[in-house]
């Protein structure tokens, strides 16, 4: 892979960046010292957006299950979140507008026991609700991988 440095006039910046993003063989890594989102980040954001549109993520607490799953390293190379604040900051970095509160994440994370997909929940949800929570992660992983596969740039090594 070759690295190219371009000087682009401010008036053409957005157009050039847009064209580069359309080219699957080009990976924009940095602009004016700002690191661009990696393909992992793009796939993560698209998966979250898809689940929100499909109303799979119905409550702010539903993000807790995705955060917990990512911390179990279900996706190779995915970020590890040391705290709910890290997860919220990551969502904001990705441009996700509706983010859960830190207390919601903390409280929900404390109800999860075991390892995905055999999670147990100490808040005593119905069987249907327990399955819905586990399915949030399953559907997230499917959406993430679908976005990763539909974006050839995303399958490159980071």
N, C-alpha and C. Protein backbone atom coordinates (compact mmCIF):
# COMPACT_ATOMS: atom_id res chain seq x y z
N UNK A 1 0.84 -1.17 0.00
CA UNK A 1 0.00 0.00 0.00
C UNK A 1 0.89 1.24 0.00
N UNK A 2 0.52 2.22 -0.76
CA UNK A 2 1.25 3.48 -0.87
C UNK A 2 0.56 4.54 -0.03
N UNK A 3 1.32 5.46 0.50
CA UNK A 3 0.78 6.58 1.24
C UNK A 3 0.96 7.85 0.42
N UNK A 4 -0.10 8.63 0.31
CA UNK A 4 -0.07 9.85 -0.48
C UNK A 4 -0.52 11.00 0.40
N UNK A 5 0.16 12.11 0.33
CA UNK A 5 -0.23 13.32 1.06
C UNK A 5 -0.75 14.32 0.04
N UNK A 6 -1.97 14.80 0.26
CA UNK A 6 -2.60 15.75 -0.66
C UNK A 6 -2.82 17.08 0.04
N UNK A 7 -2.59 18.16 -0.66
CA UNK A 7 -2.98 19.49 -0.19
C UNK A 7 -4.24 19.87 -0.97
N UNK A 8 -5.32 20.09 -0.25
CA UNK A 8 -6.60 20.37 -0.88
C UNK A 8 -7.10 21.72 -0.39
N UNK A 9 -7.56 22.55 -1.34
CA UNK A 9 -8.13 23.84 -1.00
C UNK A 9 -9.37 23.63 -0.12
N UNK A 10 -9.58 24.53 0.83
CA UNK A 10 -10.70 24.41 1.76
C UNK A 10 -12.04 24.28 1.04
N UNK A 11 -12.20 24.99 -0.07
CA UNK A 11 -13.48 24.96 -0.78
C UNK A 11 -13.76 23.60 -1.42
N UNK A 12 -12.73 22.82 -1.69
CA UNK A 12 -12.91 21.51 -2.33
C UNK A 12 -12.78 20.36 -1.34
N UNK A 13 -12.45 20.65 -0.10
CA UNK A 13 -12.15 19.63 0.90
C UNK A 13 -13.25 18.57 1.02
N UNK A 14 -14.49 18.98 1.26
CA UNK A 14 -15.59 18.03 1.45
C UNK A 14 -15.82 17.18 0.21
N UNK A 15 -15.70 17.79 -0.97
CA UNK A 15 -15.92 17.04 -2.21
C UNK A 15 -14.84 15.98 -2.42
N UNK A 16 -13.61 16.35 -2.18
CA UNK A 16 -12.49 15.41 -2.35
C UNK A 16 -12.61 14.28 -1.34
N UNK A 17 -12.90 14.63 -0.09
CA UNK A 17 -13.03 13.60 0.94
C UNK A 17 -14.18 12.66 0.61
N UNK A 18 -15.29 13.20 0.11
CA UNK A 18 -16.42 12.36 -0.29
C UNK A 18 -16.05 11.40 -1.41
N UNK A 19 -15.31 11.88 -2.39
CA UNK A 19 -14.89 11.01 -3.50
C UNK A 19 -13.95 9.92 -3.01
N UNK A 20 -13.04 10.27 -2.11
CA UNK A 20 -12.11 9.27 -1.59
C UNK A 20 -12.84 8.19 -0.80
N UNK A 21 -13.86 8.58 -0.07
CA UNK A 21 -14.61 7.59 0.70
C UNK A 21 -15.38 6.62 -0.19
N UNK A 22 -15.72 7.06 -1.39
CA UNK A 22 -16.44 6.18 -2.33
C UNK A 22 -15.53 5.12 -2.94
N UNK A 23 -14.26 5.38 -2.95
CA UNK A 23 -13.30 4.45 -3.54
C UNK A 23 -12.92 3.40 -2.50
N UNK A 24 -13.31 2.15 -2.75
CA UNK A 24 -13.08 1.08 -1.79
C UNK A 24 -11.60 0.73 -1.60
N UNK A 25 -10.76 1.14 -2.52
CA UNK A 25 -9.34 0.83 -2.42
C UNK A 25 -8.55 1.92 -1.71
N UNK A 26 -9.24 2.96 -1.23
CA UNK A 26 -8.59 4.07 -0.55
C UNK A 26 -9.07 4.11 0.89
N UNK A 27 -8.15 4.25 1.80
CA UNK A 27 -8.46 4.34 3.22
C UNK A 27 -7.96 5.69 3.73
N UNK A 28 -8.87 6.61 4.03
CA UNK A 28 -8.48 7.92 4.56
C UNK A 28 -8.18 7.73 6.04
N UNK A 29 -6.94 7.94 6.41
CA UNK A 29 -6.49 7.67 7.77
C UNK A 29 -6.48 8.92 8.62
N UNK A 30 -6.10 10.04 8.05
CA UNK A 30 -5.92 11.25 8.83
C UNK A 30 -6.16 12.47 7.96
N UNK A 31 -6.75 13.52 8.53
CA UNK A 31 -6.88 14.80 7.84
C UNK A 31 -6.49 15.90 8.81
N UNK A 32 -5.54 16.72 8.43
CA UNK A 32 -5.04 17.82 9.27
C UNK A 32 -4.76 17.39 10.71
N UNK A 33 -4.14 16.24 10.86
CA UNK A 33 -3.77 15.76 12.19
C UNK A 33 -4.90 15.07 12.94
N UNK A 34 -6.11 15.09 12.40
CA UNK A 34 -7.22 14.41 13.05
C UNK A 34 -7.36 13.01 12.49
N UNK A 35 -7.35 12.02 13.38
CA UNK A 35 -7.51 10.65 12.91
C UNK A 35 -8.95 10.42 12.49
N UNK A 36 -9.11 9.74 11.37
CA UNK A 36 -10.43 9.41 10.86
C UNK A 36 -10.91 8.13 11.52
N UNK A 37 -12.21 7.93 11.50
CA UNK A 37 -12.77 6.70 12.05
C UNK A 37 -12.26 5.51 11.26
N UNK A 38 -11.94 4.45 11.96
CA UNK A 38 -11.49 3.23 11.29
C UNK A 38 -12.70 2.51 10.71
N UNK A 39 -12.44 1.52 9.89
CA UNK A 39 -13.54 0.74 9.32
C UNK A 39 -14.32 0.03 10.43
N UNK A 40 -13.64 -0.34 11.52
CA UNK A 40 -14.31 -0.94 12.68
C UNK A 40 -15.33 0.06 13.24
N UNK A 41 -14.89 1.32 13.37
CA UNK A 41 -15.77 2.36 13.89
C UNK A 41 -16.98 2.58 12.99
N UNK A 42 -16.74 2.62 11.70
CA UNK A 42 -17.82 2.84 10.73
C UNK A 42 -18.83 1.69 10.80
N UNK A 43 -18.34 0.47 10.83
CA UNK A 43 -19.22 -0.70 10.91
C UNK A 43 -20.01 -0.70 12.22
N UNK A 44 -19.36 -0.31 13.31
CA UNK A 44 -20.00 -0.24 14.63
C UNK A 44 -21.13 0.78 14.59
N UNK A 45 -20.83 1.97 14.07
CA UNK A 45 -21.84 3.04 14.01
C UNK A 45 -23.01 2.65 13.12
N UNK A 46 -22.72 2.04 11.98
CA UNK A 46 -23.80 1.62 11.07
C UNK A 46 -24.67 0.55 11.72
N UNK A 47 -24.05 -0.37 12.45
CA UNK A 47 -24.82 -1.42 13.12
C UNK A 47 -25.73 -0.84 14.19
N UNK A 48 -25.22 0.10 14.98
CA UNK A 48 -26.03 0.75 16.01
C UNK A 48 -27.19 1.50 15.36
N UNK A 49 -26.90 2.25 14.30
CA UNK A 49 -27.95 3.01 13.60
C UNK A 49 -29.03 2.08 13.04
N UNK A 50 -28.58 0.97 12.47
CA UNK A 50 -29.53 -0.01 11.91
C UNK A 50 -30.45 -0.55 13.00
N UNK A 51 -29.87 -0.89 14.15
CA UNK A 51 -30.67 -1.45 15.24
C UNK A 51 -31.63 -0.41 15.81
N UNK A 52 -31.22 0.85 15.82
CA UNK A 52 -32.12 1.90 16.29
C UNK A 52 -33.27 2.09 15.31
N UNK A 53 -32.97 2.08 14.02
CA UNK A 53 -34.03 2.24 13.00
C UNK A 53 -35.01 1.09 13.04
N UNK A 54 -34.50 -0.12 13.25
CA UNK A 54 -35.35 -1.31 13.30
C UNK A 54 -36.03 -1.48 14.66
N UNK A 55 -35.76 -0.56 15.57
CA UNK A 55 -36.31 -0.56 16.93
C UNK A 55 -35.91 -1.81 17.73
N UNK A 56 -34.74 -2.35 17.42
CA UNK A 56 -34.17 -3.43 18.22
C UNK A 56 -33.64 -2.83 19.52
N UNK A 57 -32.97 -1.68 19.39
CA UNK A 57 -32.55 -0.92 20.57
C UNK A 57 -33.73 -0.01 20.89
N UNK A 58 -34.50 -0.42 21.92
CA UNK A 58 -35.71 0.32 22.27
C UNK A 58 -35.53 1.21 23.49
N UNK A 59 -34.61 0.85 24.34
CA UNK A 59 -34.40 1.58 25.59
C UNK A 59 -32.93 1.96 25.71
N UNK A 60 -32.63 3.04 26.42
CA UNK A 60 -31.21 3.41 26.61
C UNK A 60 -30.40 2.27 27.23
N UNK A 61 -31.00 1.49 28.12
CA UNK A 61 -30.27 0.39 28.78
C UNK A 61 -29.83 -0.69 27.80
N UNK A 62 -30.46 -0.75 26.63
CA UNK A 62 -30.11 -1.78 25.65
C UNK A 62 -28.67 -1.66 25.18
N UNK A 63 -28.11 -0.47 25.27
CA UNK A 63 -26.70 -0.29 24.92
C UNK A 63 -25.78 -1.05 25.87
N UNK A 64 -26.24 -1.28 27.09
CA UNK A 64 -25.43 -2.00 28.09
C UNK A 64 -25.07 -3.39 27.60
N UNK A 65 -25.99 -4.03 26.90
CA UNK A 65 -25.76 -5.40 26.45
C UNK A 65 -24.70 -5.43 25.35
N UNK A 66 -24.72 -4.41 24.50
CA UNK A 66 -23.69 -4.31 23.45
C UNK A 66 -22.34 -4.02 24.09
N UNK A 67 -22.32 -3.10 25.05
CA UNK A 67 -21.07 -2.78 25.74
C UNK A 67 -20.50 -4.02 26.44
N UNK A 68 -21.36 -4.75 27.14
CA UNK A 68 -20.90 -5.96 27.86
C UNK A 68 -20.35 -6.99 26.88
N UNK A 69 -21.02 -7.15 25.74
CA UNK A 69 -20.56 -8.12 24.74
C UNK A 69 -19.22 -7.71 24.16
N UNK A 70 -19.03 -6.42 23.90
CA UNK A 70 -17.75 -5.95 23.34
C UNK A 70 -16.63 -6.20 24.36
N UNK A 71 -16.94 -6.07 25.61
CA UNK A 71 -15.92 -6.30 26.64
C UNK A 71 -15.62 -7.79 26.83
N UNK A 72 -16.45 -8.64 26.26
CA UNK A 72 -16.16 -10.08 26.24
C UNK A 72 -15.37 -10.45 24.98
N UNK A 73 -14.97 -9.43 24.22
CA UNK A 73 -14.15 -9.59 23.03
C UNK A 73 -14.80 -10.50 21.98
N UNK A 74 -16.09 -10.27 21.73
CA UNK A 74 -16.79 -11.03 20.70
C UNK A 74 -16.36 -10.62 19.30
N UNK A 75 -15.87 -9.41 19.16
CA UNK A 75 -15.37 -8.92 17.88
C UNK A 75 -13.89 -8.63 18.00
N UNK A 76 -13.10 -9.31 17.20
CA UNK A 76 -11.66 -9.10 17.23
C UNK A 76 -11.35 -7.66 16.83
N UNK A 77 -10.56 -6.99 17.65
CA UNK A 77 -10.16 -5.63 17.34
C UNK A 77 -11.12 -4.56 17.81
N UNK A 78 -12.26 -4.97 18.40
CA UNK A 78 -13.22 -3.99 18.89
C UNK A 78 -12.66 -3.32 20.15
N UNK A 79 -13.07 -2.09 20.39
CA UNK A 79 -12.56 -1.41 21.58
C UNK A 79 -13.05 -2.05 22.87
N UNK A 80 -12.27 -1.92 23.92
CA UNK A 80 -12.66 -2.38 25.25
C UNK A 80 -13.05 -1.13 26.03
N UNK A 81 -14.17 -1.20 26.73
CA UNK A 81 -14.67 -0.04 27.46
C UNK A 81 -14.46 -0.26 28.95
N UNK A 82 -13.57 0.54 29.54
CA UNK A 82 -13.27 0.40 30.96
C UNK A 82 -14.40 0.89 31.84
N UNK A 83 -15.23 1.76 31.30
CA UNK A 83 -16.35 2.28 32.07
C UNK A 83 -17.46 2.70 31.11
N UNK A 84 -18.66 2.87 31.63
CA UNK A 84 -19.73 3.38 30.78
C UNK A 84 -19.39 4.73 30.15
N UNK A 85 -18.62 5.54 30.84
CA UNK A 85 -18.22 6.83 30.25
C UNK A 85 -17.39 6.63 28.99
N UNK A 86 -16.55 5.59 28.97
CA UNK A 86 -15.78 5.28 27.76
C UNK A 86 -16.71 4.91 26.61
N UNK A 87 -17.72 4.11 26.91
CA UNK A 87 -18.68 3.68 25.88
C UNK A 87 -19.46 4.88 25.34
N UNK A 88 -19.93 5.73 26.24
CA UNK A 88 -20.68 6.92 25.83
C UNK A 88 -19.80 7.83 24.97
N UNK A 89 -18.55 8.02 25.37
CA UNK A 89 -17.63 8.85 24.59
C UNK A 89 -17.41 8.26 23.21
N UNK A 90 -17.31 6.94 23.13
CA UNK A 90 -17.12 6.26 21.84
C UNK A 90 -18.34 6.48 20.95
N UNK A 91 -19.53 6.32 21.50
CA UNK A 91 -20.75 6.55 20.72
C UNK A 91 -20.80 7.99 20.19
N UNK A 92 -20.43 8.93 21.04
CA UNK A 92 -20.44 10.33 20.61
C UNK A 92 -19.39 10.58 19.53
N UNK A 93 -18.23 9.95 19.67
CA UNK A 93 -17.17 10.06 18.66
C UNK A 93 -17.67 9.53 17.31
N UNK A 94 -18.50 8.51 17.34
CA UNK A 94 -19.03 7.92 16.12
C UNK A 94 -20.21 8.71 15.54
N UNK A 95 -20.66 9.72 16.27
CA UNK A 95 -21.77 10.53 15.78
C UNK A 95 -23.14 9.99 16.16
N UNK A 96 -23.18 9.06 17.10
CA UNK A 96 -24.46 8.54 17.58
C UNK A 96 -25.07 9.62 18.48
N UNK A 97 -26.24 10.08 18.12
CA UNK A 97 -26.83 11.22 18.84
C UNK A 97 -27.52 10.81 20.13
N UNK A 98 -28.28 9.71 20.10
CA UNK A 98 -29.01 9.27 21.28
C UNK A 98 -28.13 8.32 22.09
N UNK A 99 -27.47 8.85 23.11
CA UNK A 99 -26.61 8.02 23.94
C UNK A 99 -27.26 7.80 25.30
N UNK A 100 -27.01 6.64 25.89
CA UNK A 100 -27.57 6.38 27.22
C UNK A 100 -26.80 7.15 28.29
N UNK A 101 -27.39 7.27 29.46
CA UNK A 101 -26.71 7.91 30.58
C UNK A 101 -25.79 6.93 31.28
N UNK A 102 -24.79 7.46 31.97
CA UNK A 102 -23.81 6.58 32.63
C UNK A 102 -24.46 5.76 33.74
N UNK A 103 -25.41 6.33 34.47
CA UNK A 103 -26.08 5.59 35.54
C UNK A 103 -26.89 4.43 34.98
N UNK A 104 -27.56 4.67 33.86
CA UNK A 104 -28.33 3.60 33.21
C UNK A 104 -27.42 2.45 32.83
N UNK A 105 -26.28 2.76 32.23
CA UNK A 105 -25.33 1.71 31.84
C UNK A 105 -24.79 0.98 33.07
N UNK A 106 -24.34 1.74 34.08
CA UNK A 106 -23.79 1.11 35.29
C UNK A 106 -24.82 0.16 35.91
N UNK A 107 -26.05 0.67 36.10
CA UNK A 107 -27.08 -0.14 36.76
C UNK A 107 -27.41 -1.40 35.97
N UNK A 108 -27.50 -1.27 34.66
CA UNK A 108 -27.85 -2.44 33.84
C UNK A 108 -26.71 -3.45 33.79
N UNK A 109 -25.48 -2.96 33.68
CA UNK A 109 -24.32 -3.86 33.64
C UNK A 109 -24.24 -4.72 34.89
N UNK A 110 -24.67 -4.17 36.02
CA UNK A 110 -24.61 -4.91 37.28
C UNK A 110 -25.66 -6.02 37.35
N UNK A 111 -26.61 -6.02 36.42
CA UNK A 111 -27.63 -7.08 36.43
C UNK A 111 -27.23 -8.27 35.56
N UNK A 112 -26.16 -8.13 34.77
CA UNK A 112 -25.76 -9.18 33.84
C UNK A 112 -24.78 -10.13 34.53
N UNK A 113 -25.07 -11.42 34.43
CA UNK A 113 -24.17 -12.43 34.98
C UNK A 113 -23.80 -13.44 33.91
N UNK A 114 -22.65 -14.09 34.07
CA UNK A 114 -22.23 -15.11 33.11
C UNK A 114 -21.60 -14.51 31.87
N UNK A 115 -21.55 -15.34 30.83
CA UNK A 115 -20.94 -14.93 29.56
C UNK A 115 -21.96 -15.08 28.45
N UNK A 116 -21.90 -14.16 27.50
CA UNK A 116 -22.78 -14.21 26.34
C UNK A 116 -22.51 -15.50 25.58
N UNK A 117 -23.48 -16.21 25.09
CA UNK A 117 -24.93 -15.97 25.08
C UNK A 117 -25.69 -16.61 26.24
N UNK A 118 -25.00 -17.09 27.26
CA UNK A 118 -25.67 -17.71 28.41
C UNK A 118 -25.83 -16.72 29.55
N UNK A 119 -26.05 -15.47 29.25
CA UNK A 119 -26.22 -14.47 30.29
C UNK A 119 -27.41 -14.79 31.18
N UNK A 120 -27.28 -14.39 32.43
CA UNK A 120 -28.41 -14.39 33.35
C UNK A 120 -28.59 -12.95 33.81
N UNK A 121 -29.79 -12.64 34.26
CA UNK A 121 -30.09 -11.26 34.65
C UNK A 121 -30.68 -11.25 36.05
N UNK A 122 -30.04 -10.51 36.95
CA UNK A 122 -30.46 -10.50 38.35
C UNK A 122 -31.72 -9.67 38.59
N UNK A 123 -32.17 -8.90 37.60
CA UNK A 123 -33.38 -8.11 37.80
C UNK A 123 -34.64 -8.91 37.49
N UNK A 124 -34.50 -10.20 37.20
CA UNK A 124 -35.62 -11.12 37.03
C UNK A 124 -36.56 -10.82 35.88
N UNK A 125 -36.02 -10.63 34.68
CA UNK A 125 -36.93 -10.38 33.55
C UNK A 125 -37.66 -11.66 33.15
N UNK A 126 -38.75 -11.48 32.41
CA UNK A 126 -39.47 -12.64 31.87
C UNK A 126 -38.55 -13.35 30.88
N UNK A 127 -38.93 -14.57 30.52
CA UNK A 127 -38.13 -15.31 29.53
C UNK A 127 -38.05 -14.56 28.22
N UNK A 128 -39.16 -13.96 27.83
CA UNK A 128 -39.21 -13.21 26.56
C UNK A 128 -38.24 -12.03 26.62
N UNK A 129 -38.24 -11.30 27.73
CA UNK A 129 -37.35 -10.14 27.87
C UNK A 129 -35.89 -10.59 27.93
N UNK A 130 -35.62 -11.68 28.61
CA UNK A 130 -34.24 -12.19 28.67
C UNK A 130 -33.72 -12.55 27.28
N UNK A 131 -34.56 -13.19 26.49
CA UNK A 131 -34.18 -13.54 25.12
C UNK A 131 -34.01 -12.29 24.27
N UNK A 132 -34.87 -11.28 24.48
CA UNK A 132 -34.75 -10.04 23.72
C UNK A 132 -33.39 -9.39 23.99
N UNK A 133 -32.97 -9.38 25.24
CA UNK A 133 -31.69 -8.77 25.60
C UNK A 133 -30.52 -9.50 24.92
N UNK A 134 -30.57 -10.80 24.92
CA UNK A 134 -29.51 -11.58 24.27
C UNK A 134 -29.56 -11.39 22.76
N UNK A 135 -30.77 -11.28 22.22
CA UNK A 135 -30.92 -11.07 20.78
C UNK A 135 -30.43 -9.70 20.32
N UNK A 136 -30.43 -8.72 21.21
CA UNK A 136 -29.87 -7.41 20.86
C UNK A 136 -28.43 -7.59 20.41
N UNK A 137 -27.67 -8.36 21.16
CA UNK A 137 -26.26 -8.59 20.83
C UNK A 137 -26.15 -9.43 19.56
N UNK A 138 -26.97 -10.47 19.45
CA UNK A 138 -26.93 -11.31 18.24
C UNK A 138 -27.21 -10.47 17.01
N UNK A 139 -28.23 -9.64 17.06
CA UNK A 139 -28.59 -8.80 15.92
C UNK A 139 -27.53 -7.72 15.66
N UNK A 140 -26.91 -7.22 16.73
CA UNK A 140 -25.82 -6.26 16.56
C UNK A 140 -24.66 -6.91 15.81
N UNK A 141 -24.29 -8.12 16.23
CA UNK A 141 -23.18 -8.82 15.57
C UNK A 141 -23.49 -9.09 14.10
N UNK A 142 -24.72 -9.48 13.82
CA UNK A 142 -25.12 -9.71 12.42
C UNK A 142 -25.05 -8.42 11.61
N UNK A 143 -25.56 -7.32 12.17
CA UNK A 143 -25.53 -6.03 11.47
C UNK A 143 -24.10 -5.55 11.29
N UNK A 144 -23.29 -5.73 12.32
CA UNK A 144 -21.88 -5.31 12.25
C UNK A 144 -21.18 -6.07 11.13
N UNK A 145 -21.33 -7.38 11.11
CA UNK A 145 -20.65 -8.19 10.09
C UNK A 145 -21.19 -7.93 8.70
N UNK A 146 -22.49 -7.67 8.59
CA UNK A 146 -23.07 -7.34 7.29
C UNK A 146 -22.47 -6.02 6.78
N UNK A 147 -22.33 -5.03 7.65
CA UNK A 147 -21.73 -3.76 7.27
C UNK A 147 -20.25 -3.92 6.96
N UNK A 148 -19.59 -4.77 7.68
CA UNK A 148 -18.17 -5.03 7.47
C UNK A 148 -17.95 -5.70 6.11
N UNK A 149 -18.84 -6.64 5.76
CA UNK A 149 -18.71 -7.37 4.49
C UNK A 149 -19.13 -6.52 3.31
N UNK A 150 -20.09 -5.60 3.51
CA UNK A 150 -20.55 -4.77 2.39
C UNK A 150 -19.60 -3.62 2.12
N UNK A 151 -18.61 -3.44 2.99
CA UNK A 151 -17.63 -2.37 2.84
C UNK A 151 -16.26 -3.02 2.70
N UNK A 152 -15.75 -3.18 1.48
CA UNK A 152 -14.46 -3.85 1.30
C UNK A 152 -13.34 -3.20 2.10
N UNK A 153 -13.41 -1.90 2.31
CA UNK A 153 -12.38 -1.21 3.10
C UNK A 153 -12.39 -1.75 4.53
N UNK A 154 -13.58 -2.13 5.01
CA UNK A 154 -13.72 -2.58 6.38
C UNK A 154 -13.07 -3.93 6.62
N UNK A 155 -12.89 -4.71 5.58
CA UNK A 155 -12.29 -6.02 5.77
C UNK A 155 -10.77 -5.96 5.74
N UNK A 156 -10.22 -4.77 5.47
CA UNK A 156 -8.77 -4.62 5.52
C UNK A 156 -8.27 -4.68 6.95
N UNK A 157 -7.03 -5.02 7.11
CA UNK A 157 -6.41 -5.04 8.40
C UNK A 157 -6.24 -3.61 8.89
N UNK A 158 -6.63 -3.33 10.14
CA UNK A 158 -6.50 -1.97 10.70
C UNK A 158 -5.05 -1.72 11.07
